[in-house]
């Protein structure tokens, strides 16, 4: 594929993406293969990145930037940064960026020793080799079948469906000022890729493959989100006056029980964006209400959220996700490291 064949296509989604920065730039209709020498390895969050020097048929060299998933997901599949080394001659397969030249979302990689490893997504094995890592993982259903039936909210949960499952309305009721700010956003301003931790409500990053953990601690509820190492305190028995609490990115959260449902009201938020990428603005008038409850299936948790901010939305908006119990997981350190330069 020549550079002239790249389609420069990129658009901003109005939906709060509760995951990594958008994969919308990649062409998932075609799988592209490359072979070359690894010249750079960056084993870090938010994404593992490799550089691959390839040689075209005419002898001209080119360098491709390969983007894999995060190190937490790779380590759960048995991978580590020692497996891919500078100087290795490897084969890779993935999806070409329609926005950046010589950029590949890499799903499969074949090491010099014949081991095929899964680097992103849920691809099938591609090459004829008996050695492979990351393709045969325990499923959520298998983990729950082994653990039995759990009880209550105080467990480890992960989004039970694909990244597109659940969420806010596709078309958000933005005010005129919010639409202007959205239109002026540039991908270079993506806060996620700068490892800037989100405030509420974007801090609730519920997309797989990262779990959340809900636990009691000293009479309050601690809610930990693996993605970007976020820890929230839900005050359950506080007599404090909310308006006297200092404003912060996560705000001040007060919880109560309603017939087994945990209802959380969060105000005093001074995070300036509705989303984690920094596309849609947010004011300090924002109020967030969350409802967490166990579904008819004891191993599922329903997470509902309503966000009201008159400077951003012409009316309150609501989203809903189904979370599955993950007895095979625990929240691990994320430790995002922003790229240098």
Protein backbone atom coordinates (compact mmCIF):
# COMPACT_ATOMS: atom_id res chain seq x y z
CA UNK A 1 0.00 0.00 0.00
CA UNK A 2 1.53 3.31 -1.04
CA UNK A 3 1.20 6.49 0.97
CA UNK A 4 -1.06 7.90 -1.71
CA UNK A 5 -3.56 5.17 -0.94
CA UNK A 6 -4.13 6.31 2.62
CA UNK A 7 -7.51 7.88 3.14
CA UNK A 8 -7.36 10.81 5.49
CA UNK A 9 -10.54 10.18 7.40
CA UNK A 10 -11.12 11.11 11.01
CA UNK A 11 -14.12 12.44 12.86
CA UNK A 12 -15.12 13.25 16.40
CA UNK A 13 -17.67 11.12 18.14
CA UNK A 14 -20.16 12.91 20.40
CA UNK A 15 -20.46 9.86 22.65
CA UNK A 16 -18.47 9.63 25.86
CA UNK A 17 -16.06 6.83 25.01
CA UNK A 18 -15.39 5.03 28.27
CA UNK A 19 -12.26 3.34 26.99
CA UNK A 20 -8.96 4.20 25.36
CA UNK A 21 -8.57 6.80 22.69
CA UNK A 22 -10.68 5.99 19.66
CA UNK A 23 -9.83 3.14 17.27
CA UNK A 24 -12.02 4.77 14.65
CA UNK A 25 -9.02 5.74 12.51
CA UNK A 26 -8.21 2.12 11.62
CA UNK A 27 -9.58 0.22 8.64
CA UNK A 28 -10.95 -2.99 10.14
CA UNK A 29 -12.19 -4.25 6.77
CA UNK A 30 -8.74 -5.40 5.72
CA UNK A 31 -5.79 -7.11 7.40
CA UNK A 32 -2.38 -5.85 6.34
CA UNK A 33 0.85 -7.87 6.74
CA UNK A 34 4.41 -6.63 7.12
CA UNK A 35 7.81 -8.15 7.74
CA UNK A 36 10.82 -6.30 9.01
CA UNK A 37 13.27 -5.52 11.78
CA UNK A 38 12.16 -4.22 15.17
CA UNK A 39 13.99 -0.92 15.76
CA UNK A 40 12.15 0.36 18.84
CA UNK A 41 10.08 -1.12 21.67
CA UNK A 42 8.05 0.97 24.11
CA UNK A 43 6.47 -1.35 26.67
CA UNK A 44 4.24 1.10 28.54
CA UNK A 45 0.69 2.26 29.00
CA UNK A 46 -1.55 3.51 27.49
CA UNK A 47 -0.32 1.39 24.56
CA UNK A 48 2.65 -0.80 23.77
CA UNK A 49 4.36 0.63 20.68
CA UNK A 50 6.88 -0.88 18.27
CA UNK A 51 8.78 0.49 15.29
CA UNK A 52 9.39 -1.79 12.32
CA UNK A 53 11.87 -1.13 9.49
CA UNK A 54 10.70 -2.78 6.28
CA UNK A 55 12.09 -3.03 2.77
CA UNK A 56 9.83 -2.60 -0.24
CA UNK A 57 10.15 -4.49 -3.52
CA UNK A 58 12.21 -1.67 -5.03
CA UNK A 59 14.69 -1.84 -2.17
CA UNK A 60 13.50 1.38 -0.53
CA UNK A 61 13.21 1.22 3.26
CA UNK A 62 10.31 2.53 5.30
CA UNK A 63 9.54 2.62 9.02
CA UNK A 64 6.16 1.62 10.38
CA UNK A 65 4.78 2.51 13.79
CA UNK A 66 2.87 -0.39 15.37
CA UNK A 67 0.35 0.14 18.14
CA UNK A 68 -0.66 -2.77 20.40
CA UNK A 69 -2.90 -2.88 23.46
CA UNK A 70 -1.93 -1.96 27.04
CA UNK A 71 0.56 -3.85 29.20
CA UNK A 72 -2.09 -4.91 31.75
CA UNK A 73 -4.00 -6.84 29.11
CA UNK A 74 -0.83 -8.33 27.63
CA UNK A 75 0.50 -9.45 31.02
CA UNK A 76 -2.82 -11.20 31.74
CA UNK A 77 -2.23 -13.14 28.53
CA UNK A 78 1.26 -14.18 29.61
CA UNK A 79 3.24 -11.58 27.67
CA UNK A 80 6.01 -9.29 28.87
CA UNK A 81 8.40 -6.74 27.45
CA UNK A 82 11.27 -9.23 27.15
CA UNK A 83 9.58 -11.22 24.40
CA UNK A 84 10.06 -8.67 21.61
CA UNK A 85 13.60 -7.34 21.22
CA UNK A 86 15.24 -4.68 19.11
CA UNK A 87 16.85 -6.38 16.11
CA UNK A 88 14.28 -9.16 15.86
CA UNK A 89 13.02 -9.95 12.36
CA UNK A 90 9.29 -10.41 12.77
CA UNK A 91 6.07 -10.68 10.81
CA UNK A 92 3.05 -8.65 11.88
CA UNK A 93 -0.58 -8.36 10.86
CA UNK A 94 -3.09 -5.69 11.70
CA UNK A 95 -5.18 -2.79 10.50
CA UNK A 96 -3.84 0.27 8.73
CA UNK A 97 -4.56 3.77 10.01
CA UNK A 98 -6.63 5.91 7.66
CA UNK A 99 -5.28 9.05 9.31
CA UNK A 100 -1.57 8.42 9.88
CA UNK A 101 0.79 7.10 7.22
CA UNK A 102 2.76 3.95 8.06
CA UNK A 103 0.80 3.29 11.23
CA UNK A 104 -0.65 -0.13 12.06
CA UNK A 105 -2.92 -1.36 14.84
CA UNK A 106 -1.09 -4.67 15.26
CA UNK A 107 -3.08 -7.75 16.27
CA UNK A 108 -0.69 -10.64 15.49
CA UNK A 109 3.10 -10.88 15.67
CA UNK A 110 5.33 -13.82 14.71
CA UNK A 111 8.63 -13.95 16.61
CA UNK A 112 11.87 -15.30 15.10
CA UNK A 113 11.52 -18.50 17.15
CA UNK A 114 8.16 -19.25 15.52
CA UNK A 115 5.95 -18.11 18.40
CA UNK A 116 2.84 -16.21 17.39
CA UNK A 117 1.56 -13.74 19.96
CA UNK A 118 -1.68 -11.80 20.22
CA UNK A 119 -1.04 -8.09 20.68
CA UNK A 120 -4.48 -6.52 20.30
CA UNK A 121 -8.14 -7.41 19.98
CA UNK A 122 -9.41 -10.97 19.59
CA UNK A 123 -7.83 -12.20 16.35
CA UNK A 124 -7.59 -15.78 15.18
CA UNK A 125 -4.16 -17.36 14.90
CA UNK A 126 -2.74 -16.42 11.52
CA UNK A 127 0.38 -18.48 10.87
CA UNK A 128 1.04 -22.23 10.93
CA UNK A 129 2.98 -22.65 14.14
CA UNK A 130 2.53 -24.80 17.22
CA UNK A 131 3.83 -22.06 19.54
CA UNK A 132 1.41 -19.30 20.46
CA UNK A 133 0.69 -17.01 23.40
CA UNK A 134 -2.42 -15.03 24.27
CA UNK A 135 -4.97 -16.73 22.03
CA UNK A 136 -6.36 -19.22 24.54
CA UNK A 137 -7.50 -17.30 27.60
CA UNK A 138 -9.96 -18.20 30.30
CA UNK A 139 -13.34 -16.67 29.51
CA UNK A 140 -15.53 -14.82 31.98
CA UNK A 141 -18.05 -17.67 31.81
CA UNK A 142 -15.38 -20.25 32.62
CA UNK A 143 -14.09 -18.19 35.54
CA UNK A 144 -17.57 -17.74 36.99
CA UNK A 145 -18.43 -21.42 36.52
CA UNK A 146 -15.35 -22.36 38.51
CA UNK A 147 -16.00 -19.79 41.26
CA UNK A 148 -19.74 -20.39 41.65
CA UNK A 149 -22.34 -17.72 42.32
CA UNK A 150 -21.11 -14.50 43.91
CA UNK A 151 -23.11 -12.11 46.06
CA UNK A 152 -23.53 -8.36 46.33
CA UNK A 153 -21.76 -5.41 44.74
CA UNK A 154 -18.46 -5.83 46.54
CA UNK A 155 -16.57 -7.72 43.87
CA UNK A 156 -14.39 -7.15 40.78
CA UNK A 157 -16.41 -6.30 37.66
CA UNK A 158 -15.74 -5.74 33.98
CA UNK A 159 -17.93 -4.67 31.09
CA UNK A 160 -19.69 -7.83 29.97
CA UNK A 161 -19.98 -6.85 26.32
CA UNK A 162 -17.96 -5.31 23.52
CA UNK A 163 -16.77 -1.74 23.76
CA UNK A 164 -19.90 -0.58 21.93
CA UNK A 165 -22.25 -2.22 24.46
CA UNK A 166 -24.19 0.32 26.50
CA UNK A 167 -23.35 3.97 26.80
CA UNK A 168 -24.83 7.40 26.30
CA UNK A 169 -27.07 8.40 23.38
CA UNK A 170 -25.29 8.60 20.04
CA UNK A 171 -26.36 12.20 19.62
CA UNK A 172 -25.73 14.24 22.75
CA UNK A 173 -27.93 17.32 23.36
CA UNK A 174 -25.02 19.77 23.34
CA UNK A 175 -25.40 23.48 23.85
CA UNK A 176 -24.13 25.84 21.17
CA UNK A 177 -20.99 26.62 23.14
CA UNK A 178 -20.25 22.94 23.72
CA UNK A 179 -20.61 22.22 20.00
CA UNK A 180 -18.15 24.99 19.19
CA UNK A 181 -15.62 23.55 21.60
CA UNK A 182 -16.11 20.06 20.17
CA UNK A 183 -15.56 21.31 16.63
CA UNK A 184 -12.28 22.99 17.57
CA UNK A 185 -10.76 19.89 19.18
CA UNK A 186 -7.65 18.41 17.58
CA UNK A 187 -6.44 14.82 17.96
CA UNK A 188 -3.08 16.16 19.12
CA UNK A 189 -4.90 17.40 22.23
CA UNK A 190 -5.98 13.88 23.28
CA UNK A 191 -5.53 13.85 27.06
CA UNK A 192 -5.49 10.06 27.19
CA UNK A 193 -2.34 9.84 25.11
CA UNK A 194 -0.74 12.42 27.42
CA UNK A 195 -1.55 10.19 30.40
CA UNK A 196 -3.70 12.88 32.00
CA UNK A 197 -6.11 11.22 34.42
CA UNK A 198 -9.76 12.09 33.94
CA UNK A 199 -12.14 13.53 36.50
CA UNK A 200 -15.80 12.66 36.82
CA UNK A 201 -17.74 11.43 34.95
CA UNK A 202 -15.06 10.32 32.48
CA UNK A 203 -13.11 8.70 35.33
CA UNK A 204 -15.60 5.82 35.22
CA UNK A 205 -13.87 3.98 32.40
CA UNK A 206 -15.98 0.85 32.07
CA UNK A 207 -14.84 -0.62 28.76
CA UNK A 208 -13.00 -3.95 28.59
CA UNK A 209 -10.35 -5.17 29.12
CA UNK A 210 -9.98 -3.24 32.40
CA UNK A 211 -11.88 -4.18 35.58
CA UNK A 212 -13.21 -2.09 38.45
CA UNK A 213 -13.28 -3.10 42.11
CA UNK A 214 -15.92 -2.14 44.69
CA UNK A 215 -15.14 -2.66 48.39
CA UNK A 216 -16.05 -1.38 51.86
CA UNK A 217 -13.38 0.50 53.79
CA UNK A 218 -13.88 2.13 57.20
CA UNK A 219 -17.60 2.52 56.65
CA UNK A 220 -17.23 4.08 53.20
CA UNK A 221 -17.14 2.47 49.77
CA UNK A 222 -13.92 2.47 47.77
CA UNK A 223 -14.40 2.26 44.02
CA UNK A 224 -11.20 1.54 42.08
CA UNK A 225 -10.91 1.78 38.31
CA UNK A 226 -7.86 0.05 36.83
CA UNK A 227 -7.62 2.34 33.82
CA UNK A 228 -5.47 5.29 34.93
CA UNK A 229 -5.31 4.11 38.57
CA UNK A 230 -8.43 5.96 39.73
CA UNK A 231 -9.68 5.52 43.31
CA UNK A 232 -12.94 7.11 44.45
CA UNK A 233 -14.28 7.37 47.99
CA UNK A 234 -18.06 7.11 48.29
CA UNK A 235 -19.04 8.67 51.63
CA UNK A 236 -21.83 6.62 53.15
CA UNK A 237 -22.31 8.09 56.64
CA UNK A 238 -20.84 11.55 56.41
CA UNK A 239 -22.45 14.48 58.21
CA UNK A 240 -20.27 16.94 56.30
CA UNK A 241 -21.88 19.77 54.39
CA UNK A 242 -21.24 19.00 50.74
CA UNK A 243 -20.92 22.65 49.70
CA UNK A 244 -18.11 23.09 52.23
CA UNK A 245 -16.01 20.33 50.64
CA UNK A 246 -13.09 21.35 48.39
CA UNK A 247 -13.71 20.93 44.68
CA UNK A 248 -11.64 18.29 42.91
CA UNK A 249 -11.47 16.39 39.63
CA UNK A 250 -13.38 13.45 41.12
CA UNK A 251 -15.70 15.66 43.13
CA UNK A 252 -17.34 14.77 46.43
CA UNK A 253 -19.45 11.59 46.31
CA UNK A 254 -22.21 10.73 48.77
CA UNK A 255 -23.82 7.29 48.66
CA UNK A 256 -27.01 5.76 49.99
CA UNK A 257 -28.86 2.46 49.63
CA UNK A 258 -32.28 2.27 47.99
CA UNK A 259 -33.74 -1.26 48.09
CA UNK A 260 -30.36 -2.85 47.48
CA UNK A 261 -29.28 -0.31 44.85
CA UNK A 262 -26.28 1.88 45.59
CA UNK A 263 -27.11 5.47 44.60
CA UNK A 264 -24.18 7.90 44.38
CA UNK A 265 -24.54 11.66 44.05
CA UNK A 266 -21.37 13.51 43.03
CA UNK A 267 -20.91 17.29 42.97
CA UNK A 268 -18.02 19.71 43.60
CA UNK A 269 -16.36 18.54 40.35
CA UNK A 270 -13.80 20.87 38.80
CA UNK A 271 -12.69 18.62 35.92
CA UNK A 272 -13.15 20.77 32.77
CA UNK A 273 -14.17 18.00 30.34
CA UNK A 274 -17.11 15.64 30.04
CA UNK A 275 -15.02 13.01 28.23
CA UNK A 276 -11.56 11.60 28.86
CA UNK A 277 -10.09 12.89 25.60
CA UNK A 278 -10.91 16.53 26.31
CA UNK A 279 -13.35 17.00 23.42
CA UNK A 280 -16.49 18.22 25.18
CA UNK A 281 -16.24 20.94 27.87
CA UNK A 282 -17.77 20.73 31.33
CA UNK A 283 -18.52 23.31 34.01
CA UNK A 284 -18.32 23.19 37.80
CA UNK A 285 -22.13 23.10 37.83
CA UNK A 286 -22.09 19.47 36.71
CA UNK A 287 -23.89 16.91 38.86
CA UNK A 288 -23.53 13.15 38.45
CA UNK A 289 -25.91 10.49 39.76
CA UNK A 290 -24.93 6.81 39.55
CA UNK A 291 -26.99 3.74 40.34
CA UNK A 292 -25.33 0.34 40.85
CA UNK A 293 -27.47 -2.76 41.31
CA UNK A 294 -27.32 -6.53 40.90
CA UNK A 295 -29.39 -7.77 37.97
CA UNK A 296 -31.60 -10.85 37.73
CA UNK A 297 -28.39 -12.72 37.07
CA UNK A 298 -26.48 -12.56 40.38
CA UNK A 299 -23.23 -12.41 38.44
CA UNK A 300 -24.17 -9.21 36.60
CA UNK A 301 -24.12 -5.65 37.84
CA UNK A 302 -26.11 -2.86 36.19
CA UNK A 303 -24.35 0.50 36.14
CA UNK A 304 -26.46 3.57 35.30
CA UNK A 305 -25.29 7.17 35.22
CA UNK A 306 -27.03 10.50 34.69
CA UNK A 307 -25.08 13.70 34.03
CA UNK A 308 -26.60 17.17 34.30
CA UNK A 309 -24.66 20.29 33.29
CA UNK A 310 -26.68 23.21 31.86
CA UNK A 311 -23.62 24.77 30.23
CA UNK A 312 -22.88 21.60 28.25
CA UNK A 313 -26.23 19.85 27.74
CA UNK A 314 -29.67 21.20 26.99
CA UNK A 315 -31.07 18.37 29.15
CA UNK A 316 -29.61 15.69 31.45
CA UNK A 317 -28.19 12.64 29.71
CA UNK A 318 -28.11 9.03 30.88
CA UNK A 319 -26.09 5.91 30.07
CA UNK A 320 -26.26 2.27 31.08
CA UNK A 321 -23.75 -0.60 31.10
CA UNK A 322 -23.91 -4.27 32.06
CA UNK A 323 -20.91 -5.43 34.10
CA UNK A 324 -19.93 -9.05 34.66
CA UNK A 325 -18.29 -10.49 37.78
CA UNK A 326 -14.64 -11.40 37.16
CA UNK A 327 -13.44 -13.73 39.93
CA UNK A 328 -10.30 -14.39 37.89
CA UNK A 329 -9.18 -10.75 37.98
CA UNK A 330 -7.98 -8.07 40.32
CA UNK A 331 -7.30 -4.40 39.68
CA UNK A 332 -3.62 -4.01 38.76
CA UNK A 333 -1.49 -0.84 38.67
CA UNK A 334 -1.83 0.97 35.34
CA UNK A 335 0.99 3.54 35.69
CA UNK A 336 0.55 5.37 32.41
CA UNK A 337 3.71 6.93 31.01
CA UNK A 338 3.35 9.77 28.52
CA UNK A 339 5.56 9.61 25.42
CA UNK A 340 8.62 11.83 25.56
CA UNK A 341 8.87 14.77 23.23
